[in-house]
Structure formats: C-alpha cells, structure tokens
Amino acid sequence: MTESRVPSPHAEYDRYMERQNRRRAWWRRFGQLAFYVIGSGLALVFAALLVAGVLDLGQPRIWGTFTQTDCEPRWRGGCRPVGTWVSDDGNIVKSGVYLDGWTDDTGTARAGYQPTAIISDEANNIVHTPMWTGAGAWLTGLVLLWCVGYMLFKAASWGDITLPSRRRARRQAQSATRSAGLATRGSPRRQYRRMLEQGTLSSDQEGDGGA
C-alpha cells in the first residue's frame, strides 16, 4: 500500500512568489532596455545638434542693434525680450524678434544674426548677444556628455557594464603586490631549501633548520 504525500501548505504560495518575482524581474529589465533605447535616441539627437552647432560657427554673422519693445513672460518666471533689430548697415530690419540675452539700462543690446545657419536665426526669429553667440554648441555638448555619462552610470549600477575606478585599480594593485610578496617569501621550509641551494646558510641556521 503506497502512502500519498500531503502537499506542503506553503508550496502554492512559494510558486506564486516565484511567478511574481519573475514578473517583476521581467518588467524591471524591460524598463532598463526602454531607458537604453530612449537615452540612445536622445544622445543621437543632441549629437546631431552639436554637429550642426559646430558647423554654424563658421557661417557668416551679421551684427546690429536690438531695441526692446516688449517682454514675453516665461513659464518658469521672468520674461523674454522682444523688440526690433537693425543691422549696422541698415539694410536688414527685424521686427518682433526675440533676443537671446539681455539688454542694458537703455533697453538696447549689441546682437548678431545668422540667417544662413543650419539652425537658422531666420527660422527661429531670434538674434544673439555676444555672450550667447555660439553658446548653443557648448551647451549641447555639455548636455550630450551628461546624457552619455548618466547612461553609463545606470548601466554600471545595473551590472551591464563595468566602469574603471581608482578604488578598484588600487585594490587590484594591492592584491598583485601581496601575491608577489607571498610568492617571493614562500614557506620557511622553502626558504631554507633555497638558502641551501645558494650556499648562504650559516652553520647555526643549518642546525636550526635540521631540527
């Protein structure tokens, strides 16, 4: 007569928890892969903007004077200067144009205009003060570096890559030095045998070693 085993009361709960853990692990990995895809897409966009910004640095720039006539409120506070820009030769007049920067106490500012750039001032309806002229490429480069650095940091924290660090290199160097020291010193018996082979063992040491 065979005995029937009574199922453990916790077996079903254990199987349920295993399924839950697998499901959570799957969603966690899905989120990580989605982060990689979105982050890579953003990095490509910023890289393209950086290339365009660098190329625009060589495009001709027309200088003139911006006179503020209005101030458009910003969603994060403050306002954005709006006004009229006139080139130095008076041939180009832009009304209702935005200023990338700030005016002085008189409401005017020296500003440059690039109508033929890839990121065209004509399309964006904007002129730039000298301080912000060409700043787009620098800012885009910094954002790109931060984006790539953050992605590498998260990948390392998730165990997908291993980043070099000074602490790890120091630990490896200390471990290698310790191993080399142990290999050099060896055991007392090995040292005794080495000294016998080299003929550097004194008579007292021979007596101690043979004891």
C-alpha atoms as a PDB file:
ATOM      1  CA  MET A   1       0.000   0.000   0.000  1.00  0.00           C
ATOM      2  CA  THR A   2       1.519   3.283  -1.105  1.00  0.00           C
ATOM      3  CA  GLU A   3       1.406   6.391   1.016  1.00  0.00           C
ATOM      4  CA  SER A   4       0.161   9.611  -0.563  1.00  0.00           C
ATOM      5  CA  ARG A   5       2.216  12.666   0.251  1.00  0.00           C
ATOM      6  CA  VAL A   6       0.342  15.607   1.685  1.00  0.00           C
ATOM      7  CA  PRO A   7       1.240  18.740  -0.295  1.00  0.00           C
ATOM      8  CA  SER A   8       3.028  21.417   1.685  1.00  0.00           C
ATOM      9  CA  PRO A   9       0.683  24.266   2.674  1.00  0.00           C
ATOM     10  CA  HIS A  10       3.358  26.721   1.551  1.00  0.00           C
ATOM     11  CA  ALA A  11       4.054  25.154  -1.861  1.00  0.00           C
ATOM     12  CA  GLU A  12       1.369  27.119  -3.708  1.00  0.00           C
ATOM     13  CA  TYR A  13       2.430  30.360  -2.042  1.00  0.00           C
ATOM     14  CA  ASP A  14       6.076  29.688  -2.951  1.00  0.00           C
ATOM     15  CA  ARG A  15       5.127  29.093  -6.588  1.00  0.00           C
ATOM     16  CA  TYR A  16       3.075  32.300  -6.561  1.00  0.00           C
ATOM     17  CA  MET A  17       6.010  34.282  -5.189  1.00  0.00           C
ATOM     18  CA  GLU A  18       8.321  32.798  -7.809  1.00  0.00           C
ATOM     19  CA  ARG A  19       5.941  33.894 -10.551  1.00  0.00           C
ATOM     20  CA  GLN A  20       5.709  37.370  -9.017  1.00  0.00           C
ATOM     21  CA  ASN A  21       9.487  37.661  -8.773  1.00  0.00           C
ATOM     22  CA  ARG A  22       9.907  36.561 -12.395  1.00  0.00           C
ATOM     23  CA  ARG A  23       7.266  39.066 -13.488  1.00  0.00           C
ATOM     24  CA  ARG A  24       8.919  41.898 -11.556  1.00  0.00           C
ATOM     25  CA  ALA A  25      12.333  40.948 -12.944  1.00  0.00           C
ATOM     26  CA  TRP A  26      10.898  40.942 -16.470  1.00  0.00           C
ATOM     27  CA  TRP A  27       9.323  44.402 -16.081  1.00  0.00           C
ATOM     28  CA  ARG A  28      12.478  45.728 -14.461  1.00  0.00           C
ATOM     29  CA  ARG A  29      14.565  44.537 -17.387  1.00  0.00           C
ATOM     30  CA  PHE A  30      12.025  45.901 -19.847  1.00  0.00           C
ATOM     31  CA  GLY A  31      12.292  49.310 -18.166  1.00  0.00           C
ATOM     32  CA  GLN A  32      16.083  49.182 -18.333  1.00  0.00           C
ATOM     33  CA  LEU A  33      16.037  48.335 -22.051  1.00  0.00           C
ATOM     34  CA  ALA A  34      13.494  51.103 -22.680  1.00  0.00           C
ATOM     35  CA  PHE A  35      15.816  53.502 -20.834  1.00  0.00           C
ATOM     36  CA  TYR A  36      18.703  52.467 -23.103  1.00  0.00           C
ATOM     37  CA  VAL A  37      16.605  52.962 -26.245  1.00  0.00           C
ATOM     38  CA  ILE A  38      15.254  56.379 -25.209  1.00  0.00           C
ATOM     39  CA  GLY A  39      18.626  57.531 -23.890  1.00  0.00           C
ATOM     40  CA  SER A  40      20.387  56.462 -27.086  1.00  0.00           C
ATOM     41  CA  GLY A  41      17.794  58.311 -29.157  1.00  0.00           C
ATOM     42  CA  LEU A  42      18.268  61.489 -27.125  1.00  0.00           C
ATOM     43  CA  ALA A  43      22.051  61.149 -27.384  1.00  0.00           C
ATOM     44  CA  LEU A  44      21.779  60.895 -31.181  1.00  0.00           C
ATOM     45  CA  VAL A  45      19.563  63.992 -31.301  1.00  0.00           C
ATOM     46  CA  PHE A  46      21.983  66.010 -29.169  1.00  0.00           C
ATOM     47  CA  ALA A  47      24.916  64.724 -31.236  1.00  0.00           C
ATOM     48  CA  ALA A  48      23.211  65.939 -34.420  1.00  0.00           C
ATOM     49  CA  LEU A  49      22.504  69.322 -32.801  1.00  0.00           C
ATOM     50  CA  LEU A  50      26.132  69.525 -31.684  1.00  0.00           C
ATOM     51  CA  VAL A  51      27.389  68.883 -35.216  1.00  0.00           C
ATOM     52  CA  ALA A  52      25.002  71.491 -36.594  1.00  0.00           C
ATOM     53  CA  GLY A  53      26.034  73.985 -33.913  1.00  0.00           C
ATOM     54  CA  VAL A  54      29.734  73.484 -34.662  1.00  0.00           C
ATOM     55  CA  LEU A  55      29.142  73.915 -38.411  1.00  0.00           C
ATOM     56  CA  ASP A  56      27.111  77.058 -37.740  1.00  0.00           C
ATOM     57  CA  LEU A  57      30.105  78.646 -36.024  1.00  0.00           C
ATOM     58  CA  GLY A  58      31.649  79.123 -39.481  1.00  0.00           C
ATOM     59  CA  GLN A  59      28.558  80.675 -41.046  1.00  0.00           C
ATOM     60  CA  PRO A  60      28.516  84.460 -41.709  1.00  0.00           C
ATOM     61  CA  ARG A  61      27.083  86.566 -38.911  1.00  0.00           C
ATOM     62  CA  ILE A  62      25.512  89.992 -39.334  1.00  0.00           C
ATOM     63  CA  TRP A  63      25.829  92.416 -36.429  1.00  0.00           C
ATOM     64  CA  GLY A  64      23.387  95.112 -35.461  1.00  0.00           C
ATOM     65  CA  THR A  65      21.475  96.730 -32.608  1.00  0.00           C
ATOM     66  CA  PHE A  66      18.471  95.273 -30.789  1.00  0.00           C
ATOM     67  CA  THR A  67      15.958  97.634 -29.163  1.00  0.00           C
ATOM     68  CA  GLN A  68      13.481  96.093 -26.751  1.00  0.00           C
ATOM     69  CA  THR A  69       9.816  96.966 -27.234  1.00  0.00           C
ATOM     70  CA  ASP A  70       8.131  94.221 -25.191  1.00  0.00           C
ATOM     71  CA  CYS A  71       8.835  91.368 -22.774  1.00  0.00           C
ATOM     72  CA  GLU A  72       7.177  87.979 -23.214  1.00  0.00           C
ATOM     73  CA  PRO A  73       6.555  86.119 -19.915  1.00  0.00           C
ATOM     74  CA  ARG A  74       8.311  82.783 -19.477  1.00  0.00           C
ATOM     75  CA  TRP A  75       6.578  79.762 -17.958  1.00  0.00           C
ATOM     76  CA  ARG A  76       9.380  79.366 -15.391  1.00  0.00           C
ATOM     77  CA  GLY A  77       9.381  83.039 -14.409  1.00  0.00           C
ATOM     78  CA  GLY A  78      10.878  86.217 -15.798  1.00  0.00           C
ATOM     79  CA  CYS A  79      10.354  87.374 -19.351  1.00  0.00           C
ATOM     80  CA  ARG A  80      11.934  87.118 -22.778  1.00  0.00           C
ATOM     81  CA  PRO A  81      12.963  90.365 -24.515  1.00  0.00           C
ATOM     82  CA  VAL A  82      11.126  91.103 -27.749  1.00  0.00           C
ATOM     83  CA  GLY A  83      11.905  94.048 -29.992  1.00  0.00           C
ATOM     84  CA  THR A  84      13.385  95.369 -33.222  1.00  0.00           C
ATOM     85  CA  TRP A  85      16.806  94.515 -34.602  1.00  0.00           C
ATOM     86  CA  VAL A  86      18.532  96.707 -37.196  1.00  0.00           C
ATOM     87  CA  SER A  87      21.764  95.693 -38.925  1.00  0.00           C
ATOM     88  CA  ASP A  88      24.733  98.073 -38.775  1.00  0.00           C
ATOM     89  CA  ASP A  89      24.350  98.982 -42.467  1.00  0.00           C
ATOM     90  CA  GLY A  90      20.590  99.495 -42.042  1.00  0.00           C
ATOM     91  CA  ASN A  91      19.709  97.034 -44.818  1.00  0.00           C
ATOM     92  CA  ILE A  92      18.040  94.453 -42.571  1.00  0.00           C
ATOM     93  CA  VAL A  93      15.286  95.273 -40.079  1.00  0.00           C
ATOM     94  CA  LYS A  94      13.664  92.546 -37.972  1.00  0.00           C
ATOM     95  CA  SER A  95      10.539  93.496 -36.022  1.00  0.00           C
ATOM     96  CA  GLY A  96       9.082  91.381 -33.245  1.00  0.00           C
ATOM     97  CA  VAL A  97      12.298  89.361 -32.950  1.00  0.00           C
ATOM     98  CA  TYR A  98      13.467  87.620 -29.763  1.00  0.00           C
ATOM     99  CA  LEU A  99      16.762  88.370 -28.068  1.00  0.00           C
ATOM    100  CA  ASP A 100      18.999  85.597 -26.778  1.00  0.00           C
ATOM    101  CA  GLY A 101      20.425  87.536 -23.815  1.00  0.00           C
ATOM    102  CA  TRP A 102      19.612  90.780 -22.034  1.00  0.00           C
ATOM    103  CA  THR A 103      19.535  94.467 -22.840  1.00  0.00           C
ATOM    104  CA  ASP A 104      21.304  97.240 -20.931  1.00  0.00           C
ATOM    105  CA  ASP A 105      19.692 100.044 -18.920  1.00  0.00           C
ATOM    106  CA  THR A 106      18.694 101.820 -22.113  1.00  0.00           C
ATOM    107  CA  GLY A 107      16.807  98.794 -23.444  1.00  0.00           C
ATOM    108  CA  THR A 108      19.281  98.144 -26.256  1.00  0.00           C
ATOM    109  CA  ALA A 109      21.900  95.473 -26.907  1.00  0.00           C
ATOM    110  CA  ARG A 110      24.505  94.548 -29.459  1.00  0.00           C
ATOM    111  CA  ALA A 111      23.266  91.403 -31.249  1.00  0.00           C
ATOM    112  CA  GLY A 112      24.240  89.119 -34.108  1.00  0.00           C
ATOM    113  CA  TYR A 113      22.043  87.466 -36.723  1.00  0.00           C
ATOM    114  CA  GLN A 114      22.744  84.304 -38.760  1.00  0.00           C
ATOM    115  CA  PRO A 115      20.119  83.795 -41.467  1.00  0.00           C
ATOM    116  CA  THR A 116      22.059  81.090 -43.396  1.00  0.00           C
ATOM    117  CA  ALA A 117      22.966  78.795 -40.481  1.00  0.00           C
ATOM    118  CA  ILE A 118      21.690  75.222 -40.210  1.00  0.00           C
ATOM    119  CA  ILE A 119      19.912  76.203 -37.004  1.00  0.00           C
ATOM    120  CA  SER A 120      18.724  79.338 -38.711  1.00  0.00           C
ATOM    121  CA  ASP A 121      18.026  82.560 -36.806  1.00  0.00           C
ATOM    122  CA  GLU A 122      15.606  83.393 -39.596  1.00  0.00           C
ATOM    123  CA  ALA A 123      13.517  80.298 -38.873  1.00  0.00           C
ATOM    124  CA  ASN A 124      13.764  80.757 -35.092  1.00  0.00           C
ATOM    125  CA  ASN A 125      13.140  84.536 -35.271  1.00  0.00           C
ATOM    126  CA  ILE A 126      15.965  85.341 -32.850  1.00  0.00           C
ATOM    127  CA  VAL A 127      19.183  87.354 -32.532  1.00  0.00           C
ATOM    128  CA  HIS A 128      22.033  86.733 -30.077  1.00  0.00           C
ATOM    129  CA  THR A 129      24.058  88.943 -27.788  1.00  0.00           C
ATOM    130  CA  PRO A 130      27.878  88.488 -27.974  1.00  0.00           C
ATOM    131  CA  MET A 131      27.896  86.493 -24.721  1.00  0.00           C
ATOM    132  CA  TRP A 132      25.473  83.913 -26.128  1.00  0.00           C
ATOM    133  CA  THR A 133      26.875  83.864 -29.656  1.00  0.00           C
ATOM    134  CA  GLY A 134      27.943  80.296 -30.376  1.00  0.00           C
ATOM    135  CA  ALA A 135      26.879  79.138 -26.913  1.00  0.00           C
ATOM    136  CA  GLY A 136      24.424  76.645 -28.390  1.00  0.00           C
ATOM    137  CA  ALA A 137      27.192  74.255 -29.425  1.00  0.00           C
ATOM    138  CA  TRP A 138      28.805  74.370 -25.972  1.00  0.00           C
ATOM    139  CA  LEU A 139      25.527  73.832 -24.150  1.00  0.00           C
ATOM    140  CA  THR A 140      24.540  70.991 -26.471  1.00  0.00           C
ATOM    141  CA  GLY A 141      27.938  69.354 -25.942  1.00  0.00           C
ATOM    142  CA  LEU A 142      27.558  69.540 -22.153  1.00  0.00           C
ATOM    143  CA  VAL A 143      24.064  68.047 -22.317  1.00  0.00           C
ATOM    144  CA  LEU A 144      25.350  65.261 -24.585  1.00  0.00           C
ATOM    145  CA  LEU A 145      28.190  64.448 -22.173  1.00  0.00           C
ATOM    146  CA  TRP A 146      25.773  64.382 -19.236  1.00  0.00           C
ATOM    147  CA  CYS A 147      23.357  62.137 -21.140  1.00  0.00           C
ATOM    148  CA  VAL A 148      26.063  59.628 -22.096  1.00  0.00           C
ATOM    149  CA  GLY A 149      27.620  59.738 -18.622  1.00  0.00           C
ATOM    150  CA  TYR A 150      24.295  59.126 -16.915  1.00  0.00           C
ATOM    151  CA  MET A 151      23.551  56.183 -19.206  1.00  0.00           C
ATOM    152  CA  LEU A 152      26.953  54.644 -18.403  1.00  0.00           C
ATOM    153  CA  PHE A 153      26.378  55.208 -14.685  1.00  0.00           C
ATOM    154  CA  LYS A 154      22.994  53.470 -14.774  1.00  0.00           C
ATOM    155  CA  ALA A 155      24.352  50.603 -16.886  1.00  0.00           C
ATOM    156  CA  ALA A 156      27.134  50.089 -14.336  1.00  0.00           C
ATOM    157  CA  SER A 157      24.698  50.220 -11.416  1.00  0.00           C
ATOM    158  CA  TRP A 158      22.551  47.563 -13.136  1.00  0.00           C
ATOM    159  CA  GLY A 159      25.587  45.355 -13.735  1.00  0.00           C
ATOM    160  CA  ASP A 160      25.510  45.552 -17.541  1.00  0.00           C
ATOM    161  CA  ILE A 161      28.982  47.123 -17.784  1.00  0.00           C
ATOM    162  CA  THR A 162      31.975  47.608 -15.502  1.00  0.00           C
ATOM    163  CA  LEU A 163      33.446  51.082 -15.286  1.00  0.00           C
ATOM    164  CA  PRO A 164      37.099  51.567 -14.320  1.00  0.00           C
ATOM    165  CA  SER A 165      37.631  53.231 -10.972  1.00  0.00           C
ATOM    166  CA  ARG A 166      40.642  54.312  -8.936  1.00  0.00           C
ATOM    167  CA  ARG A 167      39.498  52.297  -5.937  1.00  0.00           C
ATOM    168  CA  ARG A 168      39.213  49.094  -7.990  1.00  0.00           C
ATOM    169  CA  ALA A 169      42.597  49.703  -9.634  1.00  0.00           C
ATOM    170  CA  ARG A 170      44.156  50.347  -6.208  1.00  0.00           C
ATOM    171  CA  ARG A 171      42.673  47.121  -4.815  1.00  0.00           C
ATOM    172  CA  GLN A 172      43.957  45.151  -7.791  1.00  0.00           C
ATOM    173  CA  ALA A 173      47.437  46.663  -7.419  1.00  0.00           C
ATOM    174  CA  GLN A 174      47.490  45.864  -3.689  1.00  0.00           C
ATOM    175  CA  SER A 175      46.324  42.309  -4.348  1.00  0.00           C
ATOM    176  CA  ALA A 176      49.002  41.812  -7.005  1.00  0.00           C
ATOM    177  CA  THR A 177      51.695  43.200  -4.675  1.00  0.00           C
ATOM    178  CA  ARG A 178      50.557  40.959  -1.830  1.00  0.00           C
ATOM    179  CA  SER A 179      50.537  37.899  -4.084  1.00  0.00           C
ATOM    180  CA  ALA A 180      54.003  38.729  -5.388  1.00  0.00           C
ATOM    181  CA  GLY A 181      55.280  39.157  -1.838  1.00  0.00           C
ATOM    182  CA  LEU A 182      53.874  35.815  -0.766  1.00  0.00           C
ATOM    183  CA  ALA A 183      55.341  34.117  -3.806  1.00  0.00           C
ATOM    184  CA  THR A 184      58.728  35.668  -3.087  1.00  0.00           C
ATOM    185  CA  ARG A 185      58.784  34.817   0.598  1.00  0.00           C
ATOM    186  CA  GLY A 186      57.253  31.356   0.416  1.00  0.00           C
ATOM    187  CA  SER A 187      57.185  28.993   3.378  1.00  0.00           C
ATOM    188  CA  PRO A 188      60.084  28.721   5.921  1.00  0.00           C
ATOM    189  CA  ARG A 189      60.966  25.245   4.611  1.00  0.00           C
ATOM    190  CA  ARG A 190      61.109  26.596   1.067  1.00  0.00           C
ATOM    191  CA  GLN A 191      63.330  29.471   2.180  1.00  0.00           C
ATOM    192  CA  TYR A 192      65.625  27.020   3.995  1.00  0.00           C
ATOM    193  CA  ARG A 193      65.908  24.867   0.882  1.00  0.00           C
ATOM    194  CA  ARG A 194      66.603  27.920  -1.290  1.00  0.00           C
ATOM    195  CA  MET A 195      69.363  29.087   1.050  1.00  0.00           C
ATOM    196  CA  LEU A 196      70.944  25.617   0.968  1.00  0.00           C
ATOM    197  CA  GLU A 197      70.932  25.691  -2.809  1.00  0.00           C
ATOM    198  CA  GLN A 198      72.500  29.151  -2.845  1.00  0.00           C
ATOM    199  CA  GLY A 199      75.102  28.197  -0.176  1.00  0.00           C
ATOM    200  CA  THR A 200      74.239  31.162   2.012  1.00  0.00           C
ATOM    201  CA  LEU A 201      73.128  29.195   5.068  1.00  0.00           C
ATOM    202  CA  SER A 202      75.238  29.599   8.223  1.00  0.00           C
ATOM    203  CA  SER A 203      76.102  26.689  10.486  1.00  0.00           C
ATOM    204  CA  ASP A 204      73.686  27.881  13.182  1.00  0.00           C
ATOM    205  CA  GLN A 205      70.900  28.148  10.634  1.00  0.00           C
ATOM    206  CA  GLU A 206      71.711  24.636   9.403  1.00  0.00           C
ATOM    207  CA  GLY A 207      71.277  23.287  12.907  1.00  0.00           C
ATOM    208  CA  ASP A 208      68.014  25.095  13.373  1.00  0.00           C
ATOM    209  CA  GLY A 209      66.748  24.000  10.003  1.00  0.00           C
ATOM    210  CA  GLY A 210      67.594  20.407  10.533  1.00  0.00           C
ATOM    211  CA  ALA A 211      65.954  20.269  13.955  1.00  0.00           C
END
